[in-house]
């Protein structure tokens, strides 16, 4: 388990935001990440249309990462769309596939494509 001092990097754009998540997501940091993502979205609720969770740099993710994505999706303000960027050959993509999260949350190979309105 790895602990991170800064759970995610932020790219805040007009109407859109990209949160780059850390190289590992597991029980040690998932709850902190969830709280940070939801706090970020709540602070921008009136002007945020698309929120992208970037998992392209995440090398390890267990079911806690899938739960994080689902919790964020369910708790976002109603007009905010959640999208995920994950590499097709990466662990996060496979975890999202196996857990069924991909059925409800669009997953893009490229963060730039996920950011498009």
N, C-alpha and C. Protein backbone atom coordinates (compact mmCIF):
# COMPACT_ATOMS: atom_id res chain seq x y z
N UNK A 1 0.84 -1.17 0.00
CA UNK A 1 0.00 0.00 0.00
C UNK A 1 0.89 1.24 0.00
N UNK A 2 0.53 2.20 -0.81
CA UNK A 2 1.29 3.43 -0.93
C UNK A 2 0.42 4.61 -0.51
N UNK A 3 0.97 5.51 0.27
CA UNK A 3 0.25 6.71 0.67
C UNK A 3 0.78 7.89 -0.13
N UNK A 4 -0.11 8.78 -0.52
CA UNK A 4 0.26 9.93 -1.33
C UNK A 4 -0.08 11.20 -0.58
N UNK A 5 0.83 12.15 -0.62
CA UNK A 5 0.55 13.42 0.04
C UNK A 5 -0.45 14.24 -0.77
N UNK A 6 -0.40 14.14 -2.07
CA UNK A 6 -1.36 14.84 -2.93
C UNK A 6 -2.10 13.80 -3.75
N UNK A 7 -3.34 13.50 -3.38
CA UNK A 7 -4.05 12.39 -4.04
C UNK A 7 -4.35 12.57 -5.51
N UNK A 8 -4.40 13.79 -6.00
CA UNK A 8 -4.65 13.93 -7.43
C UNK A 8 -4.18 15.29 -7.93
N UNK A 9 -3.90 15.34 -9.22
CA UNK A 9 -3.55 16.58 -9.89
C UNK A 9 -4.81 17.08 -10.59
N UNK A 10 -4.96 18.39 -10.66
CA UNK A 10 -6.18 18.98 -11.20
C UNK A 10 -5.87 19.80 -12.44
N UNK A 11 -6.72 19.64 -13.42
CA UNK A 11 -6.70 20.51 -14.60
C UNK A 11 -8.11 21.06 -14.73
N UNK A 12 -8.29 22.30 -14.33
CA UNK A 12 -9.60 22.94 -14.27
C UNK A 12 -9.79 23.81 -15.51
N UNK A 13 -10.77 23.48 -16.32
CA UNK A 13 -11.06 24.20 -17.56
C UNK A 13 -12.49 24.73 -17.51
N UNK A 14 -12.84 25.69 -18.34
CA UNK A 14 -14.22 26.19 -18.34
C UNK A 14 -15.22 25.06 -18.63
N UNK A 15 -16.08 24.77 -17.68
CA UNK A 15 -17.12 23.76 -17.85
C UNK A 15 -16.65 22.33 -17.73
N UNK A 16 -15.34 22.14 -17.61
CA UNK A 16 -14.79 20.78 -17.56
C UNK A 16 -13.65 20.73 -16.56
N UNK A 17 -13.38 19.53 -16.08
CA UNK A 17 -12.25 19.36 -15.18
C UNK A 17 -11.68 17.96 -15.37
N UNK A 18 -10.37 17.89 -15.24
CA UNK A 18 -9.65 16.62 -15.33
C UNK A 18 -8.90 16.42 -14.03
N UNK A 19 -9.15 15.30 -13.38
CA UNK A 19 -8.43 14.96 -12.16
C UNK A 19 -7.56 13.75 -12.46
N UNK A 20 -6.25 13.95 -12.40
CA UNK A 20 -5.29 12.88 -12.64
C UNK A 20 -5.08 12.14 -11.33
N UNK A 21 -5.47 10.89 -11.30
CA UNK A 21 -5.40 10.11 -10.07
C UNK A 21 -4.03 9.45 -9.95
N UNK A 22 -3.65 9.04 -8.73
CA UNK A 22 -2.29 8.55 -8.47
C UNK A 22 -1.99 7.19 -9.09
N UNK A 23 -0.72 6.78 -9.05
CA UNK A 23 -0.31 5.51 -9.64
C UNK A 23 -0.93 4.27 -8.99
N UNK A 24 -1.38 4.40 -7.75
CA UNK A 24 -2.02 3.27 -7.07
C UNK A 24 -3.29 3.75 -6.39
N UNK A 25 -4.35 2.95 -6.52
CA UNK A 25 -5.59 3.23 -5.81
C UNK A 25 -6.01 1.94 -5.12
N UNK A 26 -6.06 2.02 -3.80
CA UNK A 26 -6.46 0.85 -3.02
C UNK A 26 -7.07 1.33 -1.71
N UNK A 27 -7.21 0.43 -0.77
CA UNK A 27 -7.84 0.76 0.51
C UNK A 27 -7.12 1.88 1.25
N UNK A 28 -5.83 2.03 1.03
CA UNK A 28 -5.06 3.04 1.76
C UNK A 28 -5.37 4.46 1.34
N UNK A 29 -5.87 4.67 0.12
CA UNK A 29 -6.10 6.05 -0.32
C UNK A 29 -7.44 6.30 -1.01
N UNK A 30 -8.24 5.28 -1.22
CA UNK A 30 -9.50 5.45 -1.96
C UNK A 30 -10.46 6.42 -1.27
N UNK A 31 -10.58 6.34 0.04
CA UNK A 31 -11.54 7.22 0.73
C UNK A 31 -11.10 8.68 0.67
N UNK A 32 -9.79 8.93 0.75
CA UNK A 32 -9.28 10.30 0.63
C UNK A 32 -9.51 10.82 -0.78
N UNK A 33 -9.25 9.99 -1.77
CA UNK A 33 -9.49 10.39 -3.17
C UNK A 33 -10.96 10.70 -3.39
N UNK A 34 -11.84 9.84 -2.91
CA UNK A 34 -13.29 10.03 -3.08
C UNK A 34 -13.70 11.38 -2.48
N UNK A 35 -13.23 11.66 -1.28
CA UNK A 35 -13.58 12.92 -0.61
C UNK A 35 -13.06 14.12 -1.40
N UNK A 36 -11.83 14.03 -1.89
CA UNK A 36 -11.25 15.14 -2.66
C UNK A 36 -12.00 15.37 -3.97
N UNK A 37 -12.32 14.29 -4.66
CA UNK A 37 -13.03 14.42 -5.94
C UNK A 37 -14.41 15.03 -5.72
N UNK A 38 -15.14 14.53 -4.73
CA UNK A 38 -16.48 15.04 -4.46
C UNK A 38 -16.45 16.48 -3.97
N UNK A 39 -15.47 16.83 -3.16
CA UNK A 39 -15.33 18.22 -2.71
C UNK A 39 -15.03 19.14 -3.88
N UNK A 40 -14.15 18.70 -4.76
CA UNK A 40 -13.82 19.46 -5.96
C UNK A 40 -15.08 19.70 -6.80
N UNK A 41 -15.85 18.65 -7.05
CA UNK A 41 -17.06 18.76 -7.86
C UNK A 41 -18.11 19.65 -7.19
N UNK A 42 -18.27 19.52 -5.89
CA UNK A 42 -19.27 20.31 -5.18
C UNK A 42 -18.93 21.80 -5.23
N UNK A 43 -17.65 22.11 -5.15
CA UNK A 43 -17.23 23.51 -5.19
C UNK A 43 -17.46 24.15 -6.55
N UNK A 44 -17.59 23.34 -7.60
CA UNK A 44 -17.78 23.84 -8.96
C UNK A 44 -19.12 23.42 -9.56
N UNK A 45 -20.04 22.99 -8.74
CA UNK A 45 -21.31 22.40 -9.20
C UNK A 45 -22.06 23.27 -10.20
N UNK A 46 -22.08 24.56 -10.00
CA UNK A 46 -22.83 25.44 -10.89
C UNK A 46 -22.20 25.67 -12.24
N UNK A 47 -20.91 25.37 -12.36
CA UNK A 47 -20.23 25.66 -13.62
C UNK A 47 -19.52 24.46 -14.22
N UNK A 48 -19.72 23.29 -13.64
CA UNK A 48 -19.05 22.08 -14.13
C UNK A 48 -20.03 21.22 -14.92
N UNK A 49 -19.65 20.87 -16.14
CA UNK A 49 -20.49 20.02 -16.98
C UNK A 49 -19.94 18.62 -17.14
N UNK A 50 -18.61 18.50 -17.20
CA UNK A 50 -17.95 17.21 -17.39
C UNK A 50 -16.80 17.09 -16.40
N UNK A 51 -16.77 15.97 -15.69
CA UNK A 51 -15.67 15.66 -14.79
C UNK A 51 -15.01 14.39 -15.29
N UNK A 52 -13.70 14.47 -15.54
CA UNK A 52 -12.95 13.32 -16.04
C UNK A 52 -11.99 12.84 -14.96
N UNK A 53 -12.07 11.56 -14.64
CA UNK A 53 -11.10 10.93 -13.76
C UNK A 53 -10.08 10.25 -14.65
N UNK A 54 -8.86 10.73 -14.60
CA UNK A 54 -7.79 10.22 -15.46
C UNK A 54 -7.03 9.10 -14.73
N UNK A 55 -7.22 7.88 -15.21
CA UNK A 55 -6.55 6.71 -14.66
C UNK A 55 -5.44 6.21 -15.58
N UNK A 56 -5.04 7.02 -16.56
CA UNK A 56 -4.03 6.58 -17.52
C UNK A 56 -2.65 6.42 -16.89
N UNK A 57 -2.42 7.07 -15.75
CA UNK A 57 -1.13 6.94 -15.06
C UNK A 57 -1.22 5.97 -13.87
N UNK A 58 -2.40 5.43 -13.66
CA UNK A 58 -2.60 4.51 -12.55
C UNK A 58 -2.16 3.12 -12.98
N UNK A 59 -1.18 2.58 -12.27
CA UNK A 59 -0.65 1.25 -12.61
C UNK A 59 -1.35 0.13 -11.84
N UNK A 60 -1.82 0.45 -10.62
CA UNK A 60 -2.52 -0.55 -9.81
C UNK A 60 -3.81 0.04 -9.28
N UNK A 61 -4.86 -0.75 -9.38
CA UNK A 61 -6.16 -0.36 -8.84
C UNK A 61 -6.90 -1.64 -8.51
N UNK A 62 -7.45 -1.71 -7.32
CA UNK A 62 -8.26 -2.87 -6.97
C UNK A 62 -9.73 -2.45 -6.98
N UNK A 63 -10.58 -3.24 -6.37
CA UNK A 63 -12.01 -2.95 -6.39
C UNK A 63 -12.35 -1.62 -5.70
N UNK A 64 -11.46 -1.13 -4.85
CA UNK A 64 -11.70 0.17 -4.22
C UNK A 64 -11.71 1.29 -5.27
N UNK A 65 -10.93 1.14 -6.31
CA UNK A 65 -10.94 2.12 -7.39
C UNK A 65 -12.25 2.10 -8.15
N UNK A 66 -12.78 0.91 -8.39
CA UNK A 66 -14.07 0.80 -9.06
C UNK A 66 -15.17 1.39 -8.18
N UNK A 67 -15.08 1.14 -6.89
CA UNK A 67 -16.06 1.69 -5.96
C UNK A 67 -15.97 3.21 -5.93
N UNK A 68 -14.76 3.74 -5.98
CA UNK A 68 -14.57 5.18 -6.01
C UNK A 68 -15.30 5.78 -7.21
N UNK A 69 -15.11 5.21 -8.38
CA UNK A 69 -15.76 5.71 -9.59
C UNK A 69 -17.28 5.65 -9.45
N UNK A 70 -17.80 4.55 -8.95
CA UNK A 70 -19.25 4.41 -8.77
C UNK A 70 -19.78 5.40 -7.75
N UNK A 71 -19.10 5.56 -6.63
CA UNK A 71 -19.55 6.51 -5.61
C UNK A 71 -19.55 7.93 -6.15
N UNK A 72 -18.52 8.29 -6.88
CA UNK A 72 -18.46 9.63 -7.47
C UNK A 72 -19.61 9.81 -8.44
N UNK A 73 -19.85 8.82 -9.29
CA UNK A 73 -20.94 8.92 -10.27
C UNK A 73 -22.29 9.15 -9.59
N UNK A 74 -22.54 8.45 -8.52
CA UNK A 74 -23.82 8.56 -7.83
C UNK A 74 -23.97 9.85 -7.02
N UNK A 75 -22.86 10.44 -6.62
CA UNK A 75 -22.92 11.61 -5.74
C UNK A 75 -22.66 12.94 -6.45
N UNK A 76 -22.37 12.90 -7.73
CA UNK A 76 -22.15 14.15 -8.46
C UNK A 76 -23.45 14.93 -8.58
N UNK A 77 -23.35 16.25 -8.67
CA UNK A 77 -24.56 17.03 -8.95
C UNK A 77 -25.22 16.53 -10.24
N UNK A 78 -26.54 16.63 -10.34
CA UNK A 78 -27.30 16.02 -11.45
C UNK A 78 -26.83 16.36 -12.86
N UNK A 79 -26.37 17.56 -13.10
CA UNK A 79 -26.01 17.95 -14.48
C UNK A 79 -24.55 17.71 -14.81
N UNK A 80 -23.81 17.10 -13.91
CA UNK A 80 -22.38 16.85 -14.16
C UNK A 80 -22.20 15.43 -14.68
N UNK A 81 -21.59 15.32 -15.85
CA UNK A 81 -21.31 14.02 -16.45
C UNK A 81 -19.95 13.52 -15.98
N UNK A 82 -19.88 12.26 -15.63
CA UNK A 82 -18.62 11.65 -15.24
C UNK A 82 -18.09 10.82 -16.39
N UNK A 83 -16.82 11.01 -16.68
CA UNK A 83 -16.12 10.20 -17.68
C UNK A 83 -14.80 9.73 -17.07
N UNK A 84 -14.28 8.64 -17.59
CA UNK A 84 -13.03 8.08 -17.11
C UNK A 84 -12.09 7.92 -18.30
N UNK A 85 -10.82 8.21 -18.09
CA UNK A 85 -9.78 7.93 -19.08
C UNK A 85 -8.93 6.80 -18.51
N UNK A 86 -8.82 5.71 -19.27
CA UNK A 86 -8.03 4.55 -18.84
C UNK A 86 -7.48 3.85 -20.07
N UNK A 87 -6.24 3.40 -19.96
CA UNK A 87 -5.61 2.70 -21.08
C UNK A 87 -6.21 1.30 -21.23
N UNK A 88 -6.54 0.88 -22.46
CA UNK A 88 -7.21 -0.41 -22.66
C UNK A 88 -6.41 -1.62 -22.17
N UNK A 89 -5.10 -1.50 -22.13
CA UNK A 89 -4.28 -2.64 -21.68
C UNK A 89 -3.85 -2.49 -20.22
N UNK A 90 -4.42 -1.52 -19.51
CA UNK A 90 -4.03 -1.26 -18.14
C UNK A 90 -4.93 -1.95 -17.12
N UNK A 91 -4.43 -2.04 -15.92
CA UNK A 91 -5.18 -2.66 -14.82
C UNK A 91 -6.48 -1.91 -14.52
N UNK A 92 -6.48 -0.57 -14.43
CA UNK A 92 -7.75 0.11 -14.15
C UNK A 92 -8.86 -0.21 -15.15
N UNK A 93 -8.51 -0.27 -16.41
CA UNK A 93 -9.50 -0.58 -17.45
C UNK A 93 -10.10 -1.97 -17.19
N UNK A 94 -9.23 -2.93 -16.89
CA UNK A 94 -9.70 -4.29 -16.63
C UNK A 94 -10.57 -4.36 -15.38
N UNK A 95 -10.18 -3.63 -14.34
CA UNK A 95 -10.98 -3.61 -13.11
C UNK A 95 -12.36 -3.01 -13.39
N UNK A 96 -12.42 -1.93 -14.14
CA UNK A 96 -13.70 -1.31 -14.48
C UNK A 96 -14.56 -2.24 -15.34
N UNK A 97 -13.91 -3.01 -16.19
CA UNK A 97 -14.62 -3.98 -17.04
C UNK A 97 -15.18 -5.13 -16.20
N UNK A 98 -14.35 -5.73 -15.38
CA UNK A 98 -14.74 -6.90 -14.58
C UNK A 98 -15.83 -6.54 -13.57
N UNK A 99 -15.75 -5.36 -12.99
CA UNK A 99 -16.73 -4.96 -11.97
C UNK A 99 -18.02 -4.42 -12.58
N UNK A 100 -18.06 -4.21 -13.88
CA UNK A 100 -19.26 -3.73 -14.55
C UNK A 100 -19.42 -2.22 -14.54
N UNK A 101 -18.45 -1.50 -14.03
CA UNK A 101 -18.53 -0.04 -13.95
C UNK A 101 -18.59 0.58 -15.35
N UNK A 102 -17.94 -0.05 -16.32
CA UNK A 102 -17.92 0.49 -17.70
C UNK A 102 -19.31 0.54 -18.32
N UNK A 103 -20.24 -0.24 -17.83
CA UNK A 103 -21.60 -0.19 -18.38
C UNK A 103 -22.26 1.16 -18.14
N UNK A 104 -21.92 1.78 -17.00
CA UNK A 104 -22.60 3.01 -16.59
C UNK A 104 -21.76 4.28 -16.73
N UNK A 105 -20.46 4.12 -16.86
CA UNK A 105 -19.56 5.27 -16.94
C UNK A 105 -18.73 5.16 -18.21
N UNK A 106 -18.81 6.15 -19.09
CA UNK A 106 -18.01 6.10 -20.32
C UNK A 106 -16.51 6.10 -20.02
N UNK A 107 -15.78 5.22 -20.70
CA UNK A 107 -14.34 5.12 -20.53
C UNK A 107 -13.68 5.43 -21.87
N UNK A 108 -12.75 6.37 -21.85
CA UNK A 108 -12.03 6.80 -23.05
C UNK A 108 -10.56 6.41 -22.90
N UNK A 109 -9.91 6.15 -24.02
CA UNK A 109 -8.49 5.80 -24.01
C UNK A 109 -7.60 7.02 -23.79
N UNK A 110 -8.11 8.19 -24.11
CA UNK A 110 -7.31 9.42 -24.10
C UNK A 110 -8.02 10.49 -23.26
N UNK A 111 -7.33 11.07 -22.29
CA UNK A 111 -7.97 12.10 -21.46
C UNK A 111 -8.48 13.29 -22.28
N UNK A 112 -7.77 13.67 -23.34
CA UNK A 112 -8.21 14.79 -24.16
C UNK A 112 -9.57 14.51 -24.81
N UNK A 113 -9.77 13.29 -25.28
CA UNK A 113 -11.05 12.93 -25.88
C UNK A 113 -12.16 12.92 -24.83
N UNK A 114 -11.84 12.49 -23.63
CA UNK A 114 -12.83 12.44 -22.55
C UNK A 114 -13.26 13.85 -22.14
N UNK A 115 -12.38 14.83 -22.30
CA UNK A 115 -12.68 16.20 -21.92
C UNK A 115 -13.60 16.93 -22.90
N UNK A 116 -13.69 16.45 -24.11
CA UNK A 116 -14.50 17.14 -25.12
C UNK A 116 -15.96 17.18 -24.69
N UNK A 117 -16.56 18.34 -24.89
CA UNK A 117 -17.99 18.52 -24.53
C UNK A 117 -18.90 17.92 -25.57
